[in-house]
Amino acid sequence: FIFSAVTKALDLHAFAVQVSYYGVV
């Protein structure tokens, strides 16, 4: 869980784009 949080936090904008691909938000 910590490793997953770190890799997301390193580029939060890129992760936000990935979140948008889910089509929910």
mmCIF file of all heavy atoms, coordinates in Angstrom:
data_MODEL
# 
_entry.id   MODEL 
# 
loop_
_atom_site.group_PDB 
_atom_site.id 
_atom_site.type_symbol 
_atom_site.label_atom_id 
_atom_site.label_alt_id 
_atom_site.label_comp_id 
_atom_site.label_asym_id 
_atom_site.label_entity_id 
_atom_site.label_seq_id 
_atom_site.pdbx_PDB_ins_code 
_atom_site.Cartn_x 
_atom_site.Cartn_y 
_atom_site.Cartn_z 
_atom_site.occupancy 
_atom_site.B_iso_or_equiv 
_atom_site.pdbx_formal_charge 
_atom_site.auth_seq_id 
_atom_site.auth_comp_id 
_atom_site.auth_asym_id 
_atom_site.auth_atom_id 
_atom_site.pdbx_PDB_model_num 
ATOM 1   N N   . PHE A 1 1  ? 0.828   -1.211 0.000   1.00 0.00 ? 1  PHE A N   1 
ATOM 2   C CA  . PHE A 1 1  ? 0.000   0.000  0.000   1.00 0.00 ? 1  PHE A CA  1 
ATOM 3   C C   . PHE A 1 1  ? 0.865   1.266  0.000   1.00 0.00 ? 1  PHE A C   1 
ATOM 4   O O   . PHE A 1 1  ? 0.567   2.230  -0.711  1.00 0.00 ? 1  PHE A O   1 
ATOM 5   C CB  . PHE A 1 1  ? -0.939  0.001  1.207   1.00 0.00 ? 1  PHE A CB  1 
ATOM 6   C CG  . PHE A 1 1  ? -2.243  -0.703 0.958   1.00 0.00 ? 1  PHE A CG  1 
ATOM 7   C CD1 . PHE A 1 1  ? -2.331  -2.080 1.027   1.00 0.00 ? 1  PHE A CD1 1 
ATOM 8   C CD2 . PHE A 1 1  ? -3.384  0.010  0.633   1.00 0.00 ? 1  PHE A CD2 1 
ATOM 9   C CE1 . PHE A 1 1  ? -3.525  -2.733 0.795   1.00 0.00 ? 1  PHE A CE1 1 
ATOM 10  C CE2 . PHE A 1 1  ? -4.591  -0.628 0.395   1.00 0.00 ? 1  PHE A CE2 1 
ATOM 11  C CZ  . PHE A 1 1  ? -4.661  -2.013 0.470   1.00 0.00 ? 1  PHE A CZ  1 
ATOM 12  N N   . ILE A 1 2  ? 1.928   1.269  0.794   1.00 0.00 ? 2  ILE A N   1 
ATOM 13  C CA  . ILE A 1 2  ? 2.807   2.443  0.835   1.00 0.00 ? 2  ILE A CA  1 
ATOM 14  C C   . ILE A 1 2  ? 3.513   2.626  -0.502  1.00 0.00 ? 2  ILE A C   1 
ATOM 15  O O   . ILE A 1 2  ? 3.613   3.750  -1.025  1.00 0.00 ? 2  ILE A O   1 
ATOM 16  C CB  . ILE A 1 2  ? 3.841   2.312  1.965   1.00 0.00 ? 2  ILE A CB  1 
ATOM 17  C CG1 . ILE A 1 2  ? 3.154   2.475  3.325   1.00 0.00 ? 2  ILE A CG1 1 
ATOM 18  C CG2 . ILE A 1 2  ? 4.946   3.347  1.824   1.00 0.00 ? 2  ILE A CG2 1 
ATOM 19  C CD1 . ILE A 1 2  ? 2.625   3.859  3.599   1.00 0.00 ? 2  ILE A CD1 1 
ATOM 20  N N   . PHE A 1 3  ? 3.984   1.523  -1.095  1.00 0.00 ? 3  PHE A N   1 
ATOM 21  C CA  . PHE A 1 3  ? 4.652   1.611  -2.399  1.00 0.00 ? 3  PHE A CA  1 
ATOM 22  C C   . PHE A 1 3  ? 3.694   2.140  -3.458  1.00 0.00 ? 3  PHE A C   1 
ATOM 23  O O   . PHE A 1 3  ? 4.047   2.973  -4.293  1.00 0.00 ? 3  PHE A O   1 
ATOM 24  C CB  . PHE A 1 3  ? 5.191   0.236  -2.807  1.00 0.00 ? 3  PHE A CB  1 
ATOM 25  C CG  . PHE A 1 3  ? 5.875   0.229  -4.149  1.00 0.00 ? 3  PHE A CG  1 
ATOM 26  C CD1 . PHE A 1 3  ? 7.114   0.823  -4.309  1.00 0.00 ? 3  PHE A CD1 1 
ATOM 27  C CD2 . PHE A 1 3  ? 5.272   -0.375 -5.244  1.00 0.00 ? 3  PHE A CD2 1 
ATOM 28  C CE1 . PHE A 1 3  ? 7.742   0.822  -5.546  1.00 0.00 ? 3  PHE A CE1 1 
ATOM 29  C CE2 . PHE A 1 3  ? 5.892   -0.374 -6.481  1.00 0.00 ? 3  PHE A CE2 1 
ATOM 30  C CZ  . PHE A 1 3  ? 7.136   0.221  -6.634  1.00 0.00 ? 3  PHE A CZ  1 
ATOM 31  N N   . SER A 1 4  ? 2.452   1.670  -3.408  1.00 0.00 ? 4  SER A N   1 
ATOM 32  C CA  . SER A 1 4  ? 1.444   2.139  -4.353  1.00 0.00 ? 4  SER A CA  1 
ATOM 33  C C   . SER A 1 4  ? 1.190   3.633  -4.173  1.00 0.00 ? 4  SER A C   1 
ATOM 34  O O   . SER A 1 4  ? 1.088   4.392  -5.150  1.00 0.00 ? 4  SER A O   1 
ATOM 35  C CB  . SER A 1 4  ? 0.142   1.353  -4.154  1.00 0.00 ? 4  SER A CB  1 
ATOM 36  O OG  . SER A 1 4  ? -0.875  1.816  -5.013  1.00 0.00 ? 4  SER A OG  1 
ATOM 37  N N   . ALA A 1 5  ? 1.106   4.088  -2.923  1.00 0.00 ? 5  ALA A N   1 
ATOM 38  C CA  . ALA A 1 5  ? 0.886   5.510  -2.657  1.00 0.00 ? 5  ALA A CA  1 
ATOM 39  C C   . ALA A 1 5  ? 2.064   6.353  -3.128  1.00 0.00 ? 5  ALA A C   1 
ATOM 40  O O   . ALA A 1 5  ? 1.886   7.443  -3.688  1.00 0.00 ? 5  ALA A O   1 
ATOM 41  C CB  . ALA A 1 5  ? 0.643   5.727  -1.161  1.00 0.00 ? 5  ALA A CB  1 
ATOM 42  N N   . VAL A 1 6  ? 3.284   5.844  -2.936  1.00 0.00 ? 6  VAL A N   1 
ATOM 43  C CA  . VAL A 1 6  ? 4.482   6.593  -3.353  1.00 0.00 ? 6  VAL A CA  1 
ATOM 44  C C   . VAL A 1 6  ? 4.522   6.769  -4.865  1.00 0.00 ? 6  VAL A C   1 
ATOM 45  O O   . VAL A 1 6  ? 4.760   7.871  -5.380  1.00 0.00 ? 6  VAL A O   1 
ATOM 46  C CB  . VAL A 1 6  ? 5.763   5.879  -2.868  1.00 0.00 ? 6  VAL A CB  1 
ATOM 47  C CG1 . VAL A 1 6  ? 7.008   6.462  -3.551  1.00 0.00 ? 6  VAL A CG1 1 
ATOM 48  C CG2 . VAL A 1 6  ? 5.900   6.010  -1.361  1.00 0.00 ? 6  VAL A CG2 1 
ATOM 49  N N   . THR A 1 7  ? 4.283   5.684  -5.615  1.00 0.00 ? 7  THR A N   1 
ATOM 50  C CA  . THR A 1 7  ? 4.360   5.781  -7.079  1.00 0.00 ? 7  THR A CA  1 
ATOM 51  C C   . THR A 1 7  ? 3.279   6.720  -7.629  1.00 0.00 ? 7  THR A C   1 
ATOM 52  O O   . THR A 1 7  ? 3.495   7.379  -8.656  1.00 0.00 ? 7  THR A O   1 
ATOM 53  C CB  . THR A 1 7  ? 4.215   4.390  -7.726  1.00 0.00 ? 7  THR A CB  1 
ATOM 54  O OG1 . THR A 1 7  ? 3.025   3.748  -7.232  1.00 0.00 ? 7  THR A OG1 1 
ATOM 55  C CG2 . THR A 1 7  ? 5.430   3.519  -7.413  1.00 0.00 ? 7  THR A CG2 1 
ATOM 56  N N   . LYS A 1 8  ? 2.142   6.786  -6.969  1.00 0.00 ? 8  LYS A N   1 
ATOM 57  C CA  . LYS A 1 8  ? 1.118   7.737  -7.385  1.00 0.00 ? 8  LYS A CA  1 
ATOM 58  C C   . LYS A 1 8  ? 1.512   9.166  -7.024  1.00 0.00 ? 8  LYS A C   1 
ATOM 59  O O   . LYS A 1 8  ? 1.331   10.103 -7.809  1.00 0.00 ? 8  LYS A O   1 
ATOM 60  C CB  . LYS A 1 8  ? -0.220  7.392  -6.726  1.00 0.00 ? 8  LYS A CB  1 
ATOM 61  C CG  . LYS A 1 8  ? -0.865  6.081  -7.189  1.00 0.00 ? 8  LYS A CG  1 
ATOM 62  C CD  . LYS A 1 8  ? -2.150  5.843  -6.428  1.00 0.00 ? 8  LYS A CD  1 
ATOM 63  C CE  . LYS A 1 8  ? -2.907  4.616  -6.924  1.00 0.00 ? 8  LYS A CE  1 
ATOM 64  N NZ  . LYS A 1 8  ? -2.250  3.362  -6.577  1.00 0.00 ? 8  LYS A NZ  1 
ATOM 65  N N   . ALA A 1 9  ? 2.050   9.341  -5.814  1.00 0.00 ? 9  ALA A N   1 
ATOM 66  C CA  . ALA A 1 9  ? 2.393   10.680 -5.332  1.00 0.00 ? 9  ALA A CA  1 
ATOM 67  C C   . ALA A 1 9  ? 3.525   11.307 -6.135  1.00 0.00 ? 9  ALA A C   1 
ATOM 68  O O   . ALA A 1 9  ? 3.626   12.531 -6.214  1.00 0.00 ? 9  ALA A O   1 
ATOM 69  C CB  . ALA A 1 9  ? 2.783   10.616 -3.849  1.00 0.00 ? 9  ALA A CB  1 
ATOM 70  N N   . LEU A 1 10 ? 4.380   10.477 -6.737  1.00 0.00 ? 10 LEU A N   1 
ATOM 71  C CA  . LEU A 1 10 ? 5.499   11.010 -7.519  1.00 0.00 ? 10 LEU A CA  1 
ATOM 72  C C   . LEU A 1 10 ? 5.033   11.803 -8.734  1.00 0.00 ? 10 LEU A C   1 
ATOM 73  O O   . LEU A 1 10 ? 5.743   12.678 -9.217  1.00 0.00 ? 10 LEU A O   1 
ATOM 74  C CB  . LEU A 1 10 ? 6.421   9.864  -7.961  1.00 0.00 ? 10 LEU A CB  1 
ATOM 75  C CG  . LEU A 1 10 ? 7.335   9.303  -6.876  1.00 0.00 ? 10 LEU A CG  1 
ATOM 76  C CD1 . LEU A 1 10 ? 8.009   8.019  -7.365  1.00 0.00 ? 10 LEU A CD1 1 
ATOM 77  C CD2 . LEU A 1 10 ? 8.386   10.330 -6.461  1.00 0.00 ? 10 LEU A CD2 1 
ATOM 78  N N   . ASP A 1 11 ? 3.848   11.485 -9.247  1.00 0.00 ? 11 ASP A N   1 
ATOM 79  C CA  . ASP A 1 11 ? 3.276   12.246 -10.364 1.00 0.00 ? 11 ASP A CA  1 
ATOM 80  C C   . ASP A 1 11 ? 1.761   12.227 -10.202 1.00 0.00 ? 11 ASP A C   1 
ATOM 81  O O   . ASP A 1 11 ? 1.057   11.459 -10.849 1.00 0.00 ? 11 ASP A O   1 
ATOM 82  C CB  . ASP A 1 11 ? 3.686   11.649 -11.710 1.00 0.00 ? 11 ASP A CB  1 
ATOM 83  C CG  . ASP A 1 11 ? 3.390   12.576 -12.877 1.00 0.00 ? 11 ASP A CG  1 
ATOM 84  O OD1 . ASP A 1 11 ? 2.554   13.486 -12.698 1.00 0.00 ? 11 ASP A OD1 1 
ATOM 85  O OD2 . ASP A 1 11 ? 3.962   12.383 -13.965 1.00 0.00 ? 11 ASP A OD2 1 
ATOM 86  N N   . LEU A 1 12 ? 1.276   13.103 -9.334  1.00 0.00 ? 12 LEU A N   1 
ATOM 87  C CA  . LEU A 1 12 ? -0.147  13.110 -9.013  1.00 0.00 ? 12 LEU A CA  1 
ATOM 88  C C   . LEU A 1 12 ? -0.999  13.488 -10.213 1.00 0.00 ? 12 LEU A C   1 
ATOM 89  O O   . LEU A 1 12 ? -2.119  12.994 -10.372 1.00 0.00 ? 12 LEU A O   1 
ATOM 90  C CB  . LEU A 1 12 ? -0.406  14.089 -7.859  1.00 0.00 ? 12 LEU A CB  1 
ATOM 91  C CG  . LEU A 1 12 ? -0.097  13.546 -6.458  1.00 0.00 ? 12 LEU A CG  1 
ATOM 92  C CD1 . LEU A 1 12 ? -0.118  14.681 -5.444  1.00 0.00 ? 12 LEU A CD1 1 
ATOM 93  C CD2 . LEU A 1 12 ? -1.087  12.455 -6.067  1.00 0.00 ? 12 LEU A CD2 1 
ATOM 94  N N   . HIS A 1 13 ? -0.476  14.365 -11.069 1.00 0.00 ? 13 HIS A N   1 
ATOM 95  C CA  . HIS A 1 13 ? -1.258  14.768 -12.235 1.00 0.00 ? 13 HIS A CA  1 
ATOM 96  C C   . HIS A 1 13 ? -1.455  13.588 -13.182 1.00 0.00 ? 13 HIS A C   1 
ATOM 97  O O   . HIS A 1 13 ? -2.557  13.359 -13.692 1.00 0.00 ? 13 HIS A O   1 
ATOM 98  C CB  . HIS A 1 13 ? -0.588  15.914 -12.970 1.00 0.00 ? 13 HIS A CB  1 
ATOM 99  C CG  . HIS A 1 13 ? -1.370  16.418 -14.144 1.00 0.00 ? 13 HIS A CG  1 
ATOM 100 N ND1 . HIS A 1 13 ? -1.150  15.951 -15.427 1.00 0.00 ? 13 HIS A ND1 1 
ATOM 101 C CD2 . HIS A 1 13 ? -2.390  17.294 -14.229 1.00 0.00 ? 13 HIS A CD2 1 
ATOM 102 C CE1 . HIS A 1 13 ? -1.991  16.544 -16.255 1.00 0.00 ? 13 HIS A CE1 1 
ATOM 103 N NE2 . HIS A 1 13 ? -2.756  17.370 -15.557 1.00 0.00 ? 13 HIS A NE2 1 
ATOM 104 N N   . ALA A 1 14 ? -0.387  12.821 -13.427 1.00 0.00 ? 14 ALA A N   1 
ATOM 105 C CA  . ALA A 1 14 ? -0.502  11.651 -14.299 1.00 0.00 ? 14 ALA A CA  1 
ATOM 106 C C   . ALA A 1 14 ? -1.477  10.638 -13.704 1.00 0.00 ? 14 ALA A C   1 
ATOM 107 O O   . ALA A 1 14 ? -2.265  10.021 -14.426 1.00 0.00 ? 14 ALA A O   1 
ATOM 108 C CB  . ALA A 1 14 ? 0.867   11.012 -14.509 1.00 0.00 ? 14 ALA A CB  1 
ATOM 109 N N   . PHE A 1 15 ? -1.444  10.475 -12.372 1.00 0.00 ? 15 PHE A N   1 
ATOM 110 C CA  . PHE A 1 15 ? -2.381  9.546  -11.740 1.00 0.00 ? 15 PHE A CA  1 
ATOM 111 C C   . PHE A 1 15 ? -3.812  10.057 -11.875 1.00 0.00 ? 15 PHE A C   1 
ATOM 112 O O   . PHE A 1 15 ? -4.747  9.277  -12.098 1.00 0.00 ? 15 PHE A O   1 
ATOM 113 C CB  . PHE A 1 15 ? -2.029  9.344  -10.265 1.00 0.00 ? 15 PHE A CB  1 
ATOM 114 C CG  . PHE A 1 15 ? -3.012  8.495  -9.520  1.00 0.00 ? 15 PHE A CG  1 
ATOM 115 C CD1 . PHE A 1 15 ? -3.329  7.217  -9.970  1.00 0.00 ? 15 PHE A CD1 1 
ATOM 116 C CD2 . PHE A 1 15 ? -3.654  8.979  -8.390  1.00 0.00 ? 15 PHE A CD2 1 
ATOM 117 C CE1 . PHE A 1 15 ? -4.256  6.428  -9.295  1.00 0.00 ? 15 PHE A CE1 1 
ATOM 118 C CE2 . PHE A 1 15 ? -4.573  8.201  -7.715  1.00 0.00 ? 15 PHE A CE2 1 
ATOM 119 C CZ  . PHE A 1 15 ? -4.874  6.926  -8.163  1.00 0.00 ? 15 PHE A CZ  1 
ATOM 120 N N   . ALA A 1 16 ? -4.009  11.375 -11.773 1.00 0.00 ? 16 ALA A N   1 
ATOM 121 C CA  . ALA A 1 16 ? -5.349  11.947 -11.947 1.00 0.00 ? 16 ALA A CA  1 
ATOM 122 C C   . ALA A 1 16 ? -5.889  11.642 -13.341 1.00 0.00 ? 16 ALA A C   1 
ATOM 123 O O   . ALA A 1 16 ? -7.076  11.333 -13.513 1.00 0.00 ? 16 ALA A O   1 
ATOM 124 C CB  . ALA A 1 16 ? -5.313  13.450 -11.701 1.00 0.00 ? 16 ALA A CB  1 
ATOM 125 N N   . VAL A 1 17 ? -5.017  11.719 -14.350 1.00 0.00 ? 17 VAL A N   1 
ATOM 126 C CA  . VAL A 1 17 ? -5.443  11.382 -15.714 1.00 0.00 ? 17 VAL A CA  1 
ATOM 127 C C   . VAL A 1 17 ? -5.852  9.915  -15.778 1.00 0.00 ? 17 VAL A C   1 
ATOM 128 O O   . VAL A 1 17 ? -6.857  9.566  -16.411 1.00 0.00 ? 17 VAL A O   1 
ATOM 129 C CB  . VAL A 1 17 ? -4.316  11.684 -16.717 1.00 0.00 ? 17 VAL A CB  1 
ATOM 130 C CG1 . VAL A 1 17 ? -4.698  11.217 -18.114 1.00 0.00 ? 17 VAL A CG1 1 
ATOM 131 C CG2 . VAL A 1 17 ? -4.008  13.188 -16.743 1.00 0.00 ? 17 VAL A CG2 1 
ATOM 132 N N   . GLN A 1 18 ? -5.078  9.048  -15.108 1.00 0.00 ? 18 GLN A N   1 
ATOM 133 C CA  . GLN A 1 18 ? -5.433  7.623  -15.095 1.00 0.00 ? 18 GLN A CA  1 
ATOM 134 C C   . GLN A 1 18 ? -6.780  7.403  -14.414 1.00 0.00 ? 18 GLN A C   1 
ATOM 135 O O   . GLN A 1 18 ? -7.576  6.559  -14.844 1.00 0.00 ? 18 GLN A O   1 
ATOM 136 C CB  . GLN A 1 18 ? -4.337  6.830  -14.384 1.00 0.00 ? 18 GLN A CB  1 
ATOM 137 C CG  . GLN A 1 18 ? -3.037  6.744  -15.176 1.00 0.00 ? 18 GLN A CG  1 
ATOM 138 C CD  . GLN A 1 18 ? -1.922  6.090  -14.380 1.00 0.00 ? 18 GLN A CD  1 
ATOM 139 O OE1 . GLN A 1 18 ? -1.729  6.385  -13.198 1.00 0.00 ? 18 GLN A OE1 1 
ATOM 140 N NE2 . GLN A 1 18 ? -1.176  5.203  -15.027 1.00 0.00 ? 18 GLN A NE2 1 
ATOM 141 N N   . VAL A 1 19 ? -7.056  8.160  -13.357 1.00 0.00 ? 19 VAL A N   1 
ATOM 142 C CA  . VAL A 1 19 ? -8.345  8.059  -12.670 1.00 0.00 ? 19 VAL A CA  1 
ATOM 143 C C   . VAL A 1 19 ? -9.489  8.406  -13.628 1.00 0.00 ? 19 VAL A C   1 
ATOM 144 O O   . VAL A 1 19 ? -10.536 7.750  -13.635 1.00 0.00 ? 19 VAL A O   1 
ATOM 145 C CB  . VAL A 1 19 ? -8.378  8.994  -11.437 1.00 0.00 ? 19 VAL A CB  1 
ATOM 146 C CG1 . VAL A 1 19 ? -9.802  9.125  -10.885 1.00 0.00 ? 19 VAL A CG1 1 
ATOM 147 C CG2 . VAL A 1 19 ? -7.439  8.477  -10.351 1.00 0.00 ? 19 VAL A CG2 1 
ATOM 148 N N   . SER A 1 20 ? -9.270  9.422  -14.456 1.00 0.00 ? 20 SER A N   1 
ATOM 149 C CA  . SER A 1 20 ? -10.332 9.843  -15.381 1.00 0.00 ? 20 SER A CA  1 
ATOM 150 C C   . SER A 1 20 ? -10.640 8.764  -16.414 1.00 0.00 ? 20 SER A C   1 
ATOM 151 O O   . SER A 1 20 ? -11.757 8.705  -16.935 1.00 0.00 ? 20 SER A O   1 
ATOM 152 C CB  . SER A 1 20 ? -9.946  11.146 -16.080 1.00 0.00 ? 20 SER A CB  1 
ATOM 153 O OG  . SER A 1 20 ? -8.861  10.953 -16.969 1.00 0.00 ? 20 SER A OG  1 
ATOM 154 N N   . TYR A 1 21 ? -9.676  7.885  -16.721 1.00 0.00 ? 21 TYR A N   1 
ATOM 155 C CA  . TYR A 1 21 ? -9.914  6.820  -17.690 1.00 0.00 ? 21 TYR A CA  1 
ATOM 156 C C   . TYR A 1 21 ? -10.938 5.796  -17.177 1.00 0.00 ? 21 TYR A C   1 
ATOM 157 O O   . TYR A 1 21 ? -11.491 5.043  -17.971 1.00 0.00 ? 21 TYR A O   1 
ATOM 158 C CB  . TYR A 1 21 ? -8.608  6.100  -18.031 1.00 0.00 ? 21 TYR A CB  1 
ATOM 159 C CG  . TYR A 1 21 ? -7.820  6.768  -19.131 1.00 0.00 ? 21 TYR A CG  1 
ATOM 160 C CD1 . TYR A 1 21 ? -6.679  7.512  -18.837 1.00 0.00 ? 21 TYR A CD1 1 
ATOM 161 C CD2 . TYR A 1 21 ? -8.208  6.665  -20.458 1.00 0.00 ? 21 TYR A CD2 1 
ATOM 162 C CE1 . TYR A 1 21 ? -5.950  8.144  -19.845 1.00 0.00 ? 21 TYR A CE1 1 
ATOM 163 C CE2 . TYR A 1 21 ? -7.491  7.282  -21.462 1.00 0.00 ? 21 TYR A CE2 1 
ATOM 164 C CZ  . TYR A 1 21 ? -6.365  8.022  -21.152 1.00 0.00 ? 21 TYR A CZ  1 
ATOM 165 O OH  . TYR A 1 21 ? -5.657  8.639  -22.150 1.00 0.00 ? 21 TYR A OH  1 
ATOM 166 N N   . TYR A 1 22 ? -11.196 5.769  -15.874 1.00 0.00 ? 22 TYR A N   1 
ATOM 167 C CA  . TYR A 1 22 ? -12.198 4.851  -15.348 1.00 0.00 ? 22 TYR A CA  1 
ATOM 168 C C   . TYR A 1 22 ? -13.604 5.287  -15.748 1.00 0.00 ? 22 TYR A C   1 
ATOM 169 O O   . TYR A 1 22 ? -14.545 4.491  -15.687 1.00 0.00 ? 22 TYR A O   1 
ATOM 170 C CB  . TYR A 1 22 ? -12.091 4.780  -13.826 1.00 0.00 ? 22 TYR A CB  1 
ATOM 171 C CG  . TYR A 1 22 ? -10.994 3.877  -13.340 1.00 0.00 ? 22 TYR A CG  1 
ATOM 172 C CD1 . TYR A 1 22 ? -9.662  4.281  -13.363 1.00 0.00 ? 22 TYR A CD1 1 
ATOM 173 C CD2 . TYR A 1 22 ? -11.273 2.603  -12.855 1.00 0.00 ? 22 TYR A CD2 1 
ATOM 174 C CE1 . TYR A 1 22 ? -8.646  3.455  -12.925 1.00 0.00 ? 22 TYR A CE1 1 
ATOM 175 C CE2 . TYR A 1 22 ? -10.264 1.763  -12.403 1.00 0.00 ? 22 TYR A CE2 1 
ATOM 176 C CZ  . TYR A 1 22 ? -8.954  2.199  -12.441 1.00 0.00 ? 22 TYR A CZ  1 
ATOM 177 O OH  . TYR A 1 22 ? -7.949  1.369  -12.006 1.00 0.00 ? 22 TYR A OH  1 
ATOM 178 N N   . GLY A 1 23 ? -13.756 6.555  -16.142 1.00 0.00 ? 23 GLY A N   1 
ATOM 179 C CA  . GLY A 1 23 ? -15.041 7.034  -16.633 1.00 0.00 ? 23 GLY A CA  1 
ATOM 180 C C   . GLY A 1 23 ? -16.071 7.284  -15.558 1.00 0.00 ? 23 GLY A C   1 
ATOM 181 O O   . GLY A 1 23 ? -17.231 7.563  -15.865 1.00 0.00 ? 23 GLY A O   1 
ATOM 182 N N   . VAL A 1 24 ? -15.694 7.181  -14.286 1.00 0.00 ? 24 VAL A N   1 
ATOM 183 C CA  . VAL A 1 24 ? -16.637 7.419  -13.196 1.00 0.00 ? 24 VAL A CA  1 
ATOM 184 C C   . VAL A 1 24 ? -16.671 8.902  -12.833 1.00 0.00 ? 24 VAL A C   1 
ATOM 185 O O   . VAL A 1 24 ? -17.729 9.489  -12.640 1.00 0.00 ? 24 VAL A O   1 
ATOM 186 C CB  . VAL A 1 24 ? -16.264 6.572  -11.959 1.00 0.00 ? 24 VAL A CB  1 
ATOM 187 C CG1 . VAL A 1 24 ? -17.204 6.864  -10.798 1.00 0.00 ? 24 VAL A CG1 1 
ATOM 188 C CG2 . VAL A 1 24 ? -16.289 5.090  -12.303 1.00 0.00 ? 24 VAL A CG2 1 
ATOM 189 N N   . VAL A 1 25 ? -15.496 9.511  -12.736 1.00 0.00 ? 25 VAL A N   1 
ATOM 190 C CA  . VAL A 1 25 ? -15.367 10.944 -12.462 1.00 0.00 ? 25 VAL A CA  1 
ATOM 191 C C   . VAL A 1 25 ? -14.569 11.555 -13.596 1.00 0.00 ? 25 VAL A C   1 
ATOM 192 O O   . VAL A 1 25 ? -13.438 11.139 -13.861 1.00 0.00 ? 25 VAL A O   1 
ATOM 193 C CB  . VAL A 1 25 ? -14.655 11.210 -11.120 1.00 0.00 ? 25 VAL A CB  1 
ATOM 194 C CG1 . VAL A 1 25 ? -14.552 12.712 -10.863 1.00 0.00 ? 25 VAL A CG1 1 
ATOM 195 C CG2 . VAL A 1 25 ? -15.394 10.520 -9.981  1.00 0.00 ? 25 VAL A CG2 1 
# 
